[in-house]
Amino acid sequence: MANMLEVKHINKTYKGQVSYQALKQISFSIEEGEFTAVMGPSGSGKTTLLNIISTIDRPDSGDILINGENPHRLKRTKLAHFRRKQLGFVFQDFNLLDTLTIGENIMLPLTLEKEAPSVMEEKLQGIAAKLGIENLLNKRTFEVSGGQRQRAAIARAVIHKPSLILADEPTGNLDSKATKDVMETLQSLNRDDHVTALMVTHDPVSASYCRRVIFIKDGELFNEIYRGENRQVFYEQILDVLSMLGGNANDLSSVRL
């Protein structure tokens, strides 16, 4: 399998009255079709890492390759096009526009690419059926639940078939049932459509849906574990690593999945 994402020796320091090195020589790769979580304590560098991969932020040194291309070397207009084509984003707070219907929100990436209306409609119906949200397309964002909004956000992220989905705490604002729905949605897209996804999360239940979890601590790679057949076992392994990382005991209640 080809590597979809390569992170090579990334360093990032924030200058200020006290300089703070957020990432130190981070390297890893993600194969096409992998579903990977990044976990670590608050301040470990998870969000900085995601921001650099998504080109929101720049590394001080090191390279990011997405499909063999380094987006940080692109000029602004090319970079904007690269992000629209290659990346799909899912955020904790959904980032849907209240002025649009759910269907219009989902079609936004296609609208930006000036796709023909008939093509857009066909793609919208296809992804909505896959995610079980066909009956929501004409509703406004405030008329649907948080879990439904997040599924709409996932539909928007994948409708243009990007190379890589980047998800930042996608279940952070959801209750346990909606979390399960959203993670099963991502898992099925990964399994059935070979969608490659990288998710930052602090939630061990969400992470247990992934194939692999990368742990970072103080800006450095700490450990990584792979899931076998049994998700419950994987969940317990995730808890074990988090407790070694010095996670907060309150965050790590032992939940049966």
Protein backbone atom coordinates (compact mmCIF):
# COMPACT_ATOMS: atom_id res chain seq x y z
CA MET A 1 0.00 0.00 0.00
CA ALA A 2 1.20 3.49 -0.77
CA ASN A 3 1.60 6.01 2.03
CA MET A 4 -1.15 8.63 1.85
CA LEU A 5 0.48 10.80 4.50
CA GLU A 6 4.12 11.07 5.51
CA VAL A 7 5.15 13.22 8.45
CA LYS A 8 8.94 13.60 8.48
CA HIS A 9 10.95 15.11 11.36
CA ILE A 10 8.45 17.88 12.10
CA ASN A 11 9.54 20.54 14.57
CA LYS A 12 7.45 23.48 15.71
CA THR A 13 8.33 26.09 18.32
CA TYR A 14 6.08 28.97 19.31
CA LYS A 15 8.12 32.05 20.07
CA GLY A 16 7.04 34.33 22.87
CA GLN A 17 8.28 35.58 26.21
CA VAL A 18 8.79 31.91 26.92
CA SER A 19 9.47 29.83 23.80
CA TYR A 20 7.57 26.60 23.73
CA GLN A 21 8.45 23.63 21.51
CA ALA A 22 5.12 22.07 20.57
CA LEU A 23 6.51 19.32 18.32
CA LYS A 24 9.93 17.65 18.39
CA GLN A 25 11.14 15.53 15.48
CA ILE A 26 7.75 13.87 14.93
CA SER A 27 7.76 11.24 12.16
CA PHE A 28 5.14 8.70 11.12
CA SER A 29 3.24 7.64 8.03
CA ILE A 30 -0.33 6.62 7.27
CA GLU A 31 -1.12 4.18 4.51
CA GLU A 32 -3.91 4.65 2.03
CA GLY A 33 -7.11 3.31 3.62
CA GLU A 34 -5.88 3.53 7.22
CA PHE A 35 -8.01 4.95 10.04
CA THR A 36 -5.71 6.36 12.70
CA ALA A 37 -6.23 8.30 15.92
CA VAL A 38 -3.76 10.64 17.61
CA MET A 39 -4.05 10.85 21.39
CA GLY A 40 -2.13 12.54 24.18
CA PRO A 41 -2.61 14.75 27.22
CA SER A 42 -3.68 18.39 26.83
CA GLY A 43 -0.75 20.40 25.54
CA SER A 44 0.97 17.35 24.04
CA GLY A 45 0.95 18.84 20.53
CA LYS A 46 -2.00 16.95 18.98
CA THR A 47 -3.76 20.04 17.65
CA THR A 48 -0.52 21.62 16.44
CA LEU A 49 0.23 18.43 14.54
CA LEU A 50 -3.22 18.40 12.93
CA ASN A 51 -2.93 22.09 12.04
CA ILE A 52 0.41 21.50 10.32
CA ILE A 53 -0.90 18.49 8.37
CA SER A 54 -3.95 20.51 7.33
CA THR A 55 -1.67 23.45 6.30
CA ILE A 56 -3.36 25.85 8.74
CA ASP A 57 0.04 26.17 10.45
CA ARG A 58 3.60 25.73 9.13
CA PRO A 59 6.38 23.58 10.60
CA ASP A 60 9.73 25.20 11.48
CA SER A 61 11.46 22.22 9.88
CA GLY A 62 10.58 18.85 8.44
CA ASP A 63 8.22 17.79 5.67
CA ILE A 64 4.58 16.81 5.28
CA LEU A 65 3.78 14.77 2.18
CA ILE A 66 0.17 14.11 1.20
CA ASN A 67 -0.06 11.78 -1.78
CA GLY A 68 3.63 12.48 -2.37
CA GLU A 69 3.18 16.26 -2.52
CA ASN A 70 4.33 18.80 0.06
CA PRO A 71 1.48 21.33 0.35
CA HIS A 72 3.67 23.70 2.38
CA ARG A 73 5.72 24.33 -0.78
CA LEU A 74 2.72 25.43 -2.85
CA LYS A 75 1.87 29.04 -3.66
CA ARG A 76 -1.34 30.37 -2.10
CA THR A 77 -3.79 29.76 -4.92
CA LYS A 78 -2.37 26.28 -5.57
CA LEU A 79 -2.48 25.54 -1.85
CA ALA A 80 -6.15 26.57 -1.63
CA HIS A 81 -6.92 24.26 -4.56
CA PHE A 82 -4.88 21.42 -2.99
CA ARG A 83 -6.78 21.73 0.28
CA ARG A 84 -10.14 21.73 -1.49
CA LYS A 85 -9.28 18.70 -3.61
CA GLN A 86 -7.16 16.55 -1.32
CA LEU A 87 -8.44 17.21 2.20
CA GLY A 88 -11.75 16.83 4.00
CA PHE A 89 -12.30 18.35 7.45
CA VAL A 90 -14.51 17.36 10.38
CA PHE A 91 -14.52 19.65 13.43
CA GLN A 92 -15.74 19.37 17.01
CA ASP A 93 -18.32 22.12 16.54
CA PHE A 94 -19.52 20.86 13.10
CA ASN A 95 -18.79 24.18 11.30
CA LEU A 96 -22.03 24.03 9.33
CA LEU A 97 -23.57 27.24 8.01
CA ASP A 98 -26.92 28.05 9.61
CA THR A 99 -28.09 29.98 6.54
CA LEU A 100 -27.95 26.84 4.38
CA THR A 101 -29.93 23.62 4.49
CA ILE A 102 -28.14 20.42 5.49
CA GLY A 103 -28.05 19.40 1.81
CA GLU A 104 -26.56 22.75 0.73
CA ASN A 105 -23.95 22.46 3.48
CA ILE A 106 -22.94 18.99 2.30
CA MET A 107 -22.62 20.19 -1.31
CA LEU A 108 -20.36 23.15 -0.46
CA PRO A 109 -17.09 21.51 -1.60
CA LEU A 110 -18.72 20.71 -4.96
CA THR A 111 -20.12 24.25 -5.24
CA LEU A 112 -16.59 25.62 -4.75
CA GLU A 113 -15.36 23.32 -7.52
CA LYS A 114 -18.23 24.54 -9.77
CA GLU A 115 -19.59 21.06 -10.40
CA ALA A 116 -22.71 20.77 -12.56
CA PRO A 117 -25.94 20.87 -10.49
CA SER A 118 -27.05 17.43 -11.74
CA VAL A 119 -23.71 15.88 -10.69
CA MET A 120 -23.91 17.61 -7.31
CA GLU A 121 -27.42 16.33 -6.69
CA GLU A 122 -26.42 12.78 -7.63
CA LYS A 123 -23.39 12.83 -5.32
CA LEU A 124 -25.46 14.35 -2.52
CA GLN A 125 -28.12 11.62 -2.73
CA GLY A 126 -25.43 8.94 -2.83
CA ILE A 127 -23.56 10.10 0.28
CA ALA A 128 -26.79 10.93 2.17
CA ALA A 129 -28.10 7.41 1.57
CA LYS A 130 -24.80 5.92 2.72
CA LEU A 131 -24.89 7.92 5.96
CA GLY A 132 -28.63 7.53 6.56
CA ILE A 133 -29.44 11.25 6.44
CA GLU A 134 -31.60 11.45 3.28
CA ASN A 135 -34.57 12.78 5.26
CA LEU A 136 -32.54 15.68 6.70
CA LEU A 137 -31.36 17.34 3.49
CA ASN A 138 -34.01 20.09 3.44
CA LYS A 139 -33.80 20.83 7.14
CA ARG A 140 -31.80 23.68 8.70
CA THR A 141 -28.89 22.96 11.00
CA PHE A 142 -30.84 24.00 14.13
CA GLU A 143 -33.61 21.51 13.32
CA VAL A 144 -31.40 18.41 13.66
CA SER A 145 -29.49 16.81 16.55
CA GLY A 146 -25.76 17.12 17.22
CA GLY A 147 -25.08 13.61 15.97
CA GLN A 148 -27.03 14.30 12.77
CA ARG A 149 -25.12 17.56 12.29
CA GLN A 150 -21.84 15.72 12.66
CA ARG A 151 -22.92 13.08 10.12
CA ALA A 152 -23.79 15.93 7.75
CA ALA A 153 -20.32 17.39 8.39
CA ILE A 154 -18.77 14.00 7.58
CA ALA A 155 -20.82 13.85 4.37
CA ARG A 156 -19.51 17.31 3.45
CA ALA A 157 -15.95 16.16 4.21
CA VAL A 158 -16.12 13.11 1.93
CA ILE A 159 -18.47 14.17 -0.89
CA HIS A 160 -15.58 15.35 -3.11
CA LYS A 161 -13.60 12.14 -2.44
CA PRO A 162 -10.55 13.74 -0.82
CA SER A 163 -7.36 11.76 -0.28
CA LEU A 164 -7.36 12.36 3.46
CA ILE A 165 -9.99 13.17 6.09
CA LEU A 166 -8.73 15.19 9.08
CA ALA A 167 -11.01 15.10 12.12
CA ASP A 168 -10.43 17.25 15.21
CA GLU A 169 -12.27 15.89 18.27
CA PRO A 170 -15.27 14.96 16.07
CA THR A 171 -17.20 13.51 19.03
CA GLY A 172 -16.17 16.19 21.54
CA ASN A 173 -19.66 17.76 21.68
CA LEU A 174 -21.70 14.57 21.44
CA ASP A 175 -23.35 12.24 23.93
CA SER A 176 -22.42 8.55 23.98
CA LYS A 177 -25.14 7.42 21.56
CA ALA A 178 -24.31 10.12 19.01
CA THR A 179 -20.60 9.35 19.47
CA LYS A 180 -21.30 5.72 18.60
CA ASP A 181 -23.29 6.76 15.50
CA VAL A 182 -20.60 9.13 14.29
CA MET A 183 -17.73 6.70 14.89
CA GLU A 184 -19.61 3.87 13.19
CA THR A 185 -20.18 6.22 10.24
CA LEU A 186 -16.46 6.98 9.97
CA GLN A 187 -15.59 3.32 10.46
CA SER A 188 -17.91 2.18 7.67
CA LEU A 189 -16.61 4.86 5.26
CA ASN A 190 -13.10 3.64 6.04
CA ARG A 191 -14.01 -0.03 5.63
CA ASP A 192 -16.31 0.18 2.60
CA ASP A 193 -14.86 3.12 0.66
CA HIS A 194 -11.24 2.91 1.89
CA VAL A 195 -11.43 6.50 3.11
CA THR A 196 -8.12 7.43 4.79
CA ALA A 197 -8.70 9.31 8.03
CA LEU A 198 -6.61 10.84 10.81
CA MET A 199 -8.50 11.84 13.95
CA VAL A 200 -7.30 13.75 16.99
CA THR A 201 -9.30 12.73 20.04
CA HIS A 202 -9.07 12.57 23.83
CA ASP A 203 -11.89 10.01 23.95
CA PRO A 204 -10.71 6.38 24.28
CA VAL A 205 -14.10 5.06 23.13
CA SER A 206 -13.86 7.01 19.85
CA ALA A 207 -10.22 5.96 19.40
CA SER A 208 -11.17 2.29 19.78
CA TYR A 209 -12.96 2.45 16.41
CA CYS A 210 -9.65 3.17 14.65
CA ARG A 211 -7.17 0.64 13.33
CA ARG A 212 -4.21 2.30 15.03
CA VAL A 213 -3.64 4.87 17.76
CA ILE A 214 -0.53 7.08 17.86
CA PHE A 215 0.21 8.61 21.27
CA ILE A 216 2.22 11.79 21.67
CA LYS A 217 3.56 13.35 24.83
CA ASP A 218 5.37 16.68 25.19
CA GLY A 219 5.53 17.01 21.41
CA GLU A 220 7.19 13.64 20.84
CA LEU A 221 5.97 10.21 19.72
CA PHE A 222 5.37 8.12 22.83
CA ASN A 223 3.88 4.88 21.55
CA GLU A 224 1.55 3.40 18.96
CA ILE A 225 -0.77 0.42 19.11
CA TYR A 226 -2.76 -1.50 16.51
CA ARG A 227 -6.19 -2.94 16.89
CA GLY A 228 -6.74 -6.67 16.53
CA GLU A 229 -10.13 -8.30 16.06
CA ASN A 230 -11.54 -7.32 19.46
CA ARG A 231 -12.48 -3.70 20.03
CA GLN A 232 -12.98 -4.14 23.79
CA VAL A 233 -9.39 -5.41 24.15
CA PHE A 234 -8.13 -2.50 22.06
CA TYR A 235 -10.07 -0.04 24.21
CA GLU A 236 -8.43 -1.46 27.33
CA GLN A 237 -4.99 -1.23 25.71
CA ILE A 238 -5.70 2.44 24.89
CA LEU A 239 -6.61 3.06 28.56
CA ASP A 240 -3.36 1.37 29.65
CA VAL A 241 -1.24 3.65 27.47
CA LEU A 242 -3.20 6.74 28.54
CA SER A 243 -2.61 5.89 32.20
CA MET A 244 1.15 5.56 31.47
CA LEU A 245 0.96 8.95 29.80
CA GLY A 246 -0.36 10.38 33.04
CA GLY A 247 -3.92 10.96 31.88
CA ASN A 248 -6.39 12.32 34.36
CA ALA A 249 -8.05 9.42 36.21
CA ASN A 250 -11.46 11.07 35.76
CA ASP A 251 -11.04 10.94 32.00
CA LEU A 252 -10.42 7.20 32.08
CA SER A 253 -13.50 5.66 33.62
CA SER A 254 -13.68 2.03 32.60
CA VAL A 255 -16.57 1.87 30.20
CA ARG A 256 -17.85 -1.34 28.67
CA LEU A 257 -18.26 -0.83 24.95
